[in-house]
Protein backbone atom coordinates (compact mmCIF):
# COMPACT_ATOMS: atom_id res chain seq x y z
CA MET A 1 14.38 -53.28 94.75
CA ALA A 2 14.74 -50.10 95.94
CA GLY A 3 17.91 -49.98 94.17
CA SER A 4 16.83 -51.13 91.28
CA SER A 5 13.84 -48.32 91.39
CA THR A 6 16.04 -45.35 92.10
CA ALA A 7 18.21 -46.31 88.94
CA THR A 8 15.08 -46.41 86.99
CA THR A 9 14.38 -43.31 88.40
CA GLU A 10 17.71 -41.68 87.27
CA LYS A 11 17.59 -42.81 83.15
CA ARG A 12 13.79 -41.26 83.44
CA ARG A 13 15.59 -37.83 84.55
CA LEU A 14 18.25 -38.52 82.18
CA LEU A 15 15.99 -38.52 79.10
CA PRO A 16 14.59 -35.50 77.24
CA SER A 17 11.27 -34.40 78.41
CA MET A 18 8.56 -35.31 75.86
CA PRO A 19 5.77 -32.80 74.99
CA THR A 20 2.58 -33.14 76.61
CA SER A 21 0.33 -31.21 74.46
CA ARG A 22 -2.29 -32.43 71.68
CA VAL A 23 -1.74 -32.33 67.88
CA SER A 24 -2.12 -29.03 66.58
CA PRO A 25 -5.51 -28.90 64.44
CA LEU A 26 -3.54 -27.33 61.31
CA ALA A 27 -1.71 -29.80 61.50
CA VAL A 28 -4.51 -32.16 60.71
CA GLY A 29 -6.23 -30.60 58.23
CA ALA A 30 -2.78 -29.70 55.95
CA PHE A 31 -2.62 -33.24 56.16
CA VAL A 32 -5.95 -34.13 55.14
CA VAL A 33 -5.70 -31.75 52.18
CA ALA A 34 -2.29 -33.00 50.91
CA VAL A 35 -3.99 -36.68 50.79
CA SER A 36 -6.64 -35.34 48.85
CA TYR A 37 -4.61 -33.70 46.37
CA ALA A 38 -2.65 -37.12 46.17
CA ALA A 39 -5.70 -38.93 45.56
CA VAL A 40 -7.06 -36.83 42.74
CA PHE A 41 -3.44 -36.68 40.82
CA LEU A 42 -3.73 -40.23 41.06
CA TRP A 43 -7.24 -40.53 40.10
CA LEU A 44 -6.19 -38.30 36.98
CA TRP A 45 -3.00 -40.21 36.06
CA ALA A 46 -4.74 -43.56 36.18
CA GLY A 47 -8.04 -42.44 34.24
CA GLU A 48 -8.77 -41.12 30.70
CA ALA A 49 -7.68 -37.72 29.79
CA PRO A 50 -10.07 -35.10 31.36
CA SER A 51 -12.43 -33.23 29.03
CA TYR A 52 -11.36 -29.71 31.56
CA ILE A 53 -8.20 -28.82 32.32
CA GLY A 54 -8.59 -25.25 33.92
CA PRO A 55 -9.19 -21.94 32.34
CA GLN A 56 -8.32 -21.40 28.78
CA GLN A 57 -7.67 -18.04 26.66
CA VAL A 58 -8.61 -18.90 22.95
CA ILE A 59 -7.02 -16.11 20.86
CA ALA A 60 -8.37 -15.76 17.37
CA LEU A 61 -6.23 -15.23 14.52
CA SER A 62 -7.33 -12.27 11.57
CA PRO A 63 -7.47 -14.01 8.50
CA GLU A 64 -6.52 -12.51 5.15
CA PRO A 65 -8.59 -9.74 4.26
CA THR A 66 -11.18 -11.05 1.63
CA PRO A 67 -13.16 -8.57 -1.06
CA PRO A 68 -16.36 -7.81 1.16
CA GLU A 69 -20.02 -9.63 0.97
CA LEU A 70 -22.22 -7.16 -0.53
CA ASP A 71 -25.83 -7.88 0.09
CA LEU A 72 -27.24 -6.38 -3.39
CA LEU A 73 -24.53 -8.16 -5.84
CA ARG A 74 -24.13 -11.75 -6.21
CA SER A 75 -21.52 -13.13 -9.29
CA GLY A 76 -22.40 -14.08 -12.73
CA THR A 77 -21.36 -15.50 -16.01
CA ALA A 78 -18.98 -13.35 -17.84
CA ASP A 79 -20.51 -10.70 -19.59
CA GLU A 80 -23.64 -12.59 -19.77
CA PRO A 81 -25.98 -9.98 -21.74
CA VAL A 82 -29.61 -9.14 -20.15
CA SER A 83 -32.00 -8.63 -22.51
CA PRO A 84 -32.88 -5.07 -23.51
CA ALA A 85 -35.65 -3.17 -23.22
CA PRO A 86 -36.62 0.48 -23.20
CA LEU A 87 -35.61 2.67 -21.27
CA GLY A 88 -38.74 4.10 -19.94
CA ASP A 89 -39.67 0.13 -19.14
CA THR A 90 -38.14 -1.19 -15.70
CA ALA A 91 -40.93 -4.16 -15.45
CA ASN A 92 -39.00 -6.98 -16.87
CA ALA A 93 -35.40 -5.82 -17.99
CA LEU A 94 -33.57 -6.07 -14.22
CA PRO A 95 -30.66 -8.80 -14.63
CA PRO A 96 -30.90 -11.87 -12.05
CA SER A 97 -27.88 -11.21 -10.40
CA LEU A 98 -29.49 -7.67 -8.94
CA THR A 99 -32.22 -7.11 -5.83
CA LEU A 100 -33.53 -3.79 -5.72
CA GLU A 101 -35.37 -1.49 -2.94
CA PRO A 102 -38.65 -0.70 -4.04
CA PRO A 103 -38.25 2.26 -6.97
CA LYS A 104 -37.74 5.31 -5.21
CA PRO A 105 -39.15 8.54 -7.08
CA THR A 106 -38.05 9.50 -10.66
CA GLN A 107 -37.16 12.93 -11.53
CA ALA A 108 -40.91 13.27 -12.25
CA GLU A 109 -41.33 13.25 -8.34
CA PRO A 110 -39.51 15.85 -5.89
CA VAL A 111 -37.57 13.87 -2.77
CA ALA A 112 -39.01 14.83 0.16
CA GLU A 113 -36.70 16.44 2.81
CA ALA A 114 -36.55 15.09 6.32
CA PRO A 115 -38.56 17.06 8.88
CA SER A 116 -35.19 17.92 11.01
CA ARG A 117 -33.32 18.65 7.94
CA PRO A 118 -33.87 22.99 7.30
CA GLU A 119 -34.24 23.96 3.54
CA ARG A 120 -31.09 25.49 1.84
CA PRO A 121 -30.83 27.27 -1.12
CA ARG A 122 -30.83 25.37 -4.59
CA ALA A 123 -27.96 26.51 -7.55
CA ASN A 124 -31.02 25.50 -10.33
CA SER A 125 -34.65 24.43 -10.25
CA ASN A 126 -33.60 20.79 -10.93
CA SER A 127 -31.59 20.38 -7.49
CA ALA A 128 -34.63 18.74 -5.58
CA LEU A 129 -35.42 16.19 -8.01
CA ALA A 130 -34.24 12.43 -7.17
CA LEU A 131 -32.27 10.20 -9.68
CA PRO A 132 -33.67 7.28 -10.91
CA PRO A 133 -32.71 3.97 -9.53
CA ALA A 134 -29.85 1.74 -10.66
CA PRO A 135 -29.43 -0.22 -12.98
CA LEU A 136 -31.31 1.12 -15.73
CA PRO A 137 -32.32 -1.45 -18.03
CA GLY A 138 -29.95 -2.52 -21.30
CA LEU A 139 -26.84 -0.81 -19.07
CA VAL A 140 -25.80 -3.74 -17.12
CA ALA A 141 -24.52 -7.66 -17.60
CA ASN A 142 -23.22 -10.27 -15.41
CA GLY A 143 -19.17 -10.56 -14.66
CA PRO A 144 -17.52 -12.96 -13.44
CA HIS A 145 -17.35 -10.86 -10.17
CA GLY A 146 -20.69 -9.28 -10.66
CA PRO A 147 -22.74 -6.71 -12.59
CA LEU A 148 -20.51 -4.50 -14.89
CA PRO A 149 -21.49 -1.23 -16.84
CA VAL A 150 -22.48 -1.65 -20.88
CA ILE A 151 -23.70 0.31 -23.68
CA SER A 152 -27.18 -0.58 -24.41
CA SER A 153 -27.87 -2.26 -27.79
CA THR A 154 -29.40 1.19 -28.55
CA GLY A 155 -25.97 3.15 -27.75
CA GLN A 156 -26.96 4.47 -24.24
CA ARG A 157 -24.42 4.47 -22.21
CA SER A 158 -23.81 4.92 -18.06
CA SER A 159 -22.01 8.20 -18.60
CA ILE A 160 -25.19 9.81 -20.32
CA VAL A 161 -28.15 8.14 -18.60
CA TYR A 162 -26.81 7.81 -15.17
CA ALA A 163 -25.38 11.45 -15.16
CA ARG A 164 -27.65 14.91 -13.14
CA PRO A 165 -28.75 16.91 -15.70
CA SER A 166 -26.75 19.85 -15.44
CA GLY A 167 -29.17 22.67 -14.58
CA LEU A 168 -28.07 24.65 -17.54
CA THR A 169 -30.97 26.76 -18.48
CA ASN A 170 -30.83 30.09 -20.89
CA THR A 171 -30.43 32.43 -18.13
CA ASN A 172 -27.52 30.71 -16.76
CA ALA A 173 -25.51 29.29 -19.36
CA ARG A 174 -23.24 32.27 -19.72
CA LEU A 175 -22.49 32.20 -16.09
CA PRO A 176 -19.15 30.18 -14.61
CA ARG A 177 -19.53 26.92 -14.01
CA VAL A 178 -17.88 25.03 -11.10
CA ALA A 179 -17.91 21.34 -10.39
CA LEU A 180 -17.36 19.51 -7.39
CA VAL A 181 -16.49 15.79 -6.74
CA VAL A 182 -16.16 14.71 -2.89
CA GLY A 183 -14.39 11.19 -2.34
CA GLY A 184 -13.51 8.64 0.32
CA LEU A 185 -17.16 7.40 0.90
CA GLY A 186 -18.75 4.01 1.55
CA ILE A 187 -16.49 2.99 4.44
CA SER A 188 -17.70 5.01 7.11
CA GLU A 189 -21.21 5.09 7.38
CA THR A 190 -21.90 8.32 9.60
CA THR A 191 -19.22 10.14 6.71
CA THR A 192 -21.61 8.98 4.11
CA ARG A 193 -24.88 10.03 5.19
CA ASN A 194 -24.16 13.16 6.03
CA ALA A 195 -22.32 13.77 2.36
CA ILE A 196 -25.79 12.22 1.12
CA ASP A 197 -27.99 14.47 3.43
CA LYS A 198 -25.91 17.70 3.41
CA LEU A 199 -24.04 18.06 0.52
CA PRO A 200 -25.99 20.05 -2.48
CA PRO A 201 -27.51 17.36 -4.89
CA GLU A 202 -24.97 18.78 -7.43
CA VAL A 203 -22.23 17.84 -6.00
CA THR A 204 -20.93 14.56 -7.26
CA LEU A 205 -20.08 11.53 -4.79
CA SER A 206 -17.19 9.33 -5.48
CA PHE A 207 -17.42 5.97 -3.64
CA ALA A 208 -14.43 3.66 -2.67
CA PRO A 209 -14.87 -0.18 -3.55
CA TYR A 210 -14.38 -1.60 -0.52
CA GLY A 211 -17.66 -0.71 1.98
CA ARG A 212 -20.07 -2.70 2.80
CA ASN A 213 -24.29 -2.78 1.20
CA LEU A 214 -22.50 -0.15 -1.37
CA GLN A 215 -25.64 -0.64 -3.42
CA THR A 216 -27.84 1.00 -0.52
CA TRP A 217 -25.77 3.91 -0.29
CA ILE A 218 -25.96 4.50 -4.02
CA ASP A 219 -29.42 3.83 -4.29
CA ARG A 220 -29.81 6.85 -1.63
CA ALA A 221 -27.25 9.28 -2.74
CA ARG A 222 -28.83 8.60 -6.44
CA ALA A 223 -32.31 9.33 -4.79
CA ALA A 224 -31.06 12.43 -3.26
CA GLY A 225 -30.00 13.87 -6.47
CA HIS A 226 -26.06 13.06 -6.75
CA GLU A 227 -24.27 11.50 -9.65
CA VAL A 228 -21.52 8.87 -8.47
CA LEU A 229 -18.21 7.96 -9.11
CA LEU A 230 -16.25 4.52 -8.73
CA GLU A 231 -12.87 5.28 -6.83
CA LEU A 232 -9.92 2.23 -9.10
CA PRO A 233 -7.37 1.80 -6.55
CA MET A 234 -3.58 2.26 -8.72
CA GLU A 235 -0.50 2.26 -7.90
CA PRO A 236 1.36 5.04 -6.15
CA TYR A 237 5.36 5.15 -6.15
CA ASP A 238 6.08 4.22 -3.03
CA TYR A 239 4.00 0.90 -3.05
CA PRO A 240 3.35 -1.24 -1.12
CA ALA A 241 4.84 0.95 1.90
CA ASN A 242 1.64 3.27 0.59
CA ASP A 243 -1.05 0.57 -0.25
CA PRO A 244 -4.16 1.92 -1.85
CA GLY A 245 -6.43 -1.43 -0.83
CA PRO A 246 -6.79 -5.43 -2.13
CA TYR A 247 -6.95 -5.15 -6.16
CA THR A 248 -5.18 -2.24 -7.00
CA LEU A 249 -4.12 -1.58 -10.03
CA LEU A 250 -0.22 -2.10 -10.39
CA THR A 251 2.32 -1.75 -13.26
CA SER A 252 4.43 -5.00 -12.23
CA LEU A 253 0.70 -7.50 -13.08
CA SER A 254 -0.19 -8.08 -16.67
CA ALA A 255 -2.66 -6.57 -18.59
CA ALA A 256 -4.90 -9.34 -18.09
CA ASP A 257 -4.42 -9.58 -14.36
CA ASN A 258 -5.03 -5.63 -14.39
CA LEU A 259 -8.04 -6.11 -16.41
CA ASP A 260 -9.61 -8.88 -14.09
CA ARG A 261 -8.76 -6.80 -10.53
CA LEU A 262 -10.75 -3.91 -12.80
CA THR A 263 -13.73 -6.11 -13.31
CA TRP A 264 -14.10 -6.94 -9.55
CA LEU A 265 -13.99 -2.96 -8.73
CA MET A 266 -16.49 -2.08 -11.46
CA SER A 267 -18.92 -5.18 -10.13
CA ARG A 268 -19.27 -3.50 -6.63
CA PHE A 269 -21.94 -1.26 -7.28
CA THR A 270 -23.83 0.36 -10.39
CA GLY A 271 -25.48 3.42 -11.11
CA TYR A 272 -22.10 5.32 -11.73
CA VAL A 273 -21.19 8.13 -14.38
CA GLY A 274 -17.72 6.79 -14.55
CA VAL A 275 -14.59 6.41 -12.57
CA THR A 276 -11.96 8.33 -10.51
CA SER A 277 -8.22 7.06 -9.38
CA TYR A 278 -7.41 6.75 -5.76
CA GLN A 279 -3.84 7.58 -5.68
CA GLY A 280 -1.77 6.16 -8.76
CA ALA A 281 0.73 8.51 -9.48
CA LYS A 282 2.72 5.55 -10.70
CA PHE A 283 0.17 4.02 -12.78
CA THR A 284 -1.35 6.76 -14.60
CA ALA A 285 2.15 7.10 -14.98
CA ASP A 286 2.84 4.41 -17.24
CA ARG A 287 1.04 4.54 -20.61
CA THR A 288 1.28 1.09 -20.94
CA SER A 289 -0.45 -0.34 -18.04
CA MET A 290 -3.14 2.50 -18.58
CA GLU A 291 -4.19 1.93 -22.05
CA PRO A 292 -6.14 -1.33 -21.19
CA ILE A 293 -7.71 -0.06 -18.97
CA PHE A 294 -8.93 3.25 -20.61
CA GLU A 295 -9.87 0.48 -23.45
CA ALA A 296 -11.66 -1.38 -21.18
CA LEU A 297 -13.66 1.78 -19.22
CA GLU A 298 -14.63 3.29 -23.13
CA SER A 299 -15.98 0.26 -24.35
CA ARG A 300 -18.33 0.15 -21.35
CA GLY A 301 -20.01 3.59 -21.49
CA LEU A 302 -18.16 5.19 -18.96
CA MET A 303 -16.18 8.05 -18.18
CA TYR A 304 -12.94 9.28 -16.62
CA VAL A 305 -11.96 11.86 -14.05
CA ASP A 306 -8.93 13.14 -13.42
CA PRO A 307 -7.72 14.13 -9.94
CA GLY A 308 -5.00 16.21 -11.64
CA ALA A 309 -2.54 15.90 -8.83
CA SER A 310 0.25 13.95 -10.84
CA ARG A 311 2.29 15.84 -13.67
CA ARG A 312 3.45 12.87 -15.55
CA SER A 313 0.01 11.04 -15.84
CA THR A 314 -0.94 10.24 -19.30
CA ALA A 315 -4.30 9.63 -18.32
CA THR A 316 -5.86 12.86 -20.37
CA GLU A 317 -3.97 12.31 -23.64
CA LEU A 318 -4.64 8.86 -23.57
CA ALA A 319 -8.29 9.30 -22.85
CA ALA A 320 -8.49 11.91 -25.85
CA ASN A 321 -7.04 9.52 -28.04
CA LEU A 322 -9.33 6.61 -27.37
CA GLY A 323 -12.24 8.97 -26.76
CA LEU A 324 -13.08 8.21 -23.37
CA PRO A 325 -15.24 10.70 -22.33
CA TRP A 326 -12.81 12.63 -19.57
CA THR A 327 -12.60 15.60 -17.61
CA LYS A 328 -9.69 16.80 -15.11
CA GLY A 329 -9.71 18.23 -11.65
CA ASP A 330 -8.36 21.70 -11.49
CA ARG A 331 -7.62 21.97 -7.44
CA ALA A 332 -7.77 20.27 -4.16
CA ILE A 333 -10.34 22.18 -2.09
CA ASP A 334 -8.87 20.17 1.44
CA PRO A 335 -4.91 20.10 1.57
CA GLY A 336 -5.24 21.88 4.83
CA ARG A 337 -8.02 20.28 6.74
CA THR A 338 -8.97 23.52 8.78
CA ALA A 339 -12.46 25.83 7.61
CA ARG A 340 -9.96 28.74 7.22
CA ALA A 341 -7.93 27.10 4.09
CA ILE A 342 -11.25 25.18 2.54
CA ASP A 343 -13.06 28.58 2.64
CA ALA A 344 -9.66 30.15 1.24
CA ALA A 345 -9.36 27.07 -1.83
CA LEU A 346 -13.26 27.34 -2.71
CA ALA A 347 -13.36 31.14 -2.90
CA ASN A 348 -10.16 30.21 -5.20
CA LEU A 349 -12.22 28.06 -7.15
CA GLN A 350 -14.87 30.54 -7.72
CA GLN A 351 -12.30 33.12 -8.69
CA GLN A 352 -10.86 30.21 -11.21
CA ALA A 353 -14.33 29.77 -12.98
CA SER A 354 -14.90 33.53 -13.32
CA GLN A 355 -11.66 33.51 -15.61
CA ASN A 356 -11.80 30.02 -17.34
CA GLY A 357 -15.57 29.43 -17.33
CA VAL A 358 -15.49 25.81 -15.88
CA VAL A 359 -13.42 24.64 -13.52
CA VAL A 360 -13.49 21.29 -11.48
CA GLY A 361 -12.61 21.02 -7.41
CA LEU A 362 -11.98 17.75 -5.85
CA GLY A 363 -11.96 16.96 -1.78
CA THR A 364 -12.44 13.87 0.26
CA ALA A 365 -15.51 13.71 3.14
CA PHE A 366 -13.72 15.32 5.85
CA PRO A 367 -16.77 16.45 8.05
CA VAL A 368 -15.20 19.99 7.84
CA THR A 369 -15.14 19.67 4.14
CA ILE A 370 -18.69 18.89 4.46
CA GLU A 371 -19.36 21.36 6.47
CA ARG A 372 -17.50 24.13 4.55
CA ILE A 373 -19.09 23.53 1.27
CA GLN A 374 -22.39 23.38 2.45
CA LYS A 375 -22.22 26.91 3.86
CA TRP A 376 -20.25 28.05 0.95
CA THR A 377 -22.96 26.91 -1.38
CA GLU A 378 -25.62 28.33 0.72
CA GLY A 379 -23.88 32.09 0.43
CA LEU A 380 -24.17 31.63 -3.59
CA ALA A 381 -25.92 34.32 -5.29
CA PRO A 382 -28.06 33.01 -7.98
CA ASP A 383 -25.78 35.31 -10.37
CA ASP A 384 -22.54 34.02 -9.05
CA ILE A 385 -21.65 30.56 -10.43
CA VAL A 386 -23.42 27.41 -11.68
CA LEU A 387 -23.08 24.48 -9.31
CA VAL A 388 -22.83 21.61 -11.75
CA PRO A 389 -22.12 17.63 -11.75
CA VAL A 390 -18.81 16.62 -12.72
CA SER A 391 -20.48 14.94 -15.59
CA ALA A 392 -21.65 18.31 -16.79
CA THR A 393 -17.43 19.04 -17.61
CA ALA A 394 -16.59 15.76 -19.77
CA ARG A 395 -14.86 16.10 -23.21
CA ASN A 396 -15.06 13.56 -25.60
CA GLY A 397 -11.76 13.51 -27.09
């Protein structure tokens, strides 16, 4: 037995020694977690698709631009006439496609200045008077895209009825006349408000067709005494690299397609005396494309303001031949967007008026442009010039 015991002891001595410490808690925890994940995976695999599969990021793709929704305008039937009424009676003549705010003061009632806005010198005695809100009776009809201007049954035209009075009197009729048009309005709320509130009411304001609540801005502009224009986007030579926007009038389109686009553009708001082109060097040079547009403008009682930037433009000749009231810009007042450049342009415009009698200046509603026009008009002496709306420079034929 002793020999057997000795042999067993010898075998144990030759075997590798086993660890005698306890199992690590971390290993136990890792094992439990692994088993738990495996169980969850098996449950998900065997069951229905889960309703939640973890964090998600939703990316909204921008849709193709659509025409802006206008609070005050709704589409109607093609040129559905509105029952005409005398121009002095606005009670029952508003078209069903328009909803207006309560009437603003008419020309018999002065517009109250905001308390925080200081008084500024005026170019003539009528400058503090508001213009009546649009639309006026008999001057609007429902179109396929909204209200359209029309000549009333009594022959009244928007180019006359919506115009601001010239302010010319026996004492100032011989003075040089300057008309200013400031455009690019209706897109930026701040810019539009500044132009309406800070520029003299004799300055004509031009609105792009793409803004929201345009009729509200037009009502506000007319209440402040400004007559307004509608900007028509027209094809430039580098289109489509330079795209004026949706519903641009194009030389590649048929006359019917361009007229449909014109109808959409003219339906954006009411109360404008006429239209002006935005860009459009190529379109205005194409007489075939321009003629149907000008015929439509003349038939609706509007005027046309040619920016005067393109030497190839056929606009003024065509307007004269068709009997469309027109005028032409003589100088851009802010090609250089600095105070010094704008001041120099305004001084040159005033000098040109002294030589020619009447001039038209055009600018864009940059903050510096608004500021310099305001300063310039404040510095005018009563016998320097007469600041007139652009409608006062229109030629008929």
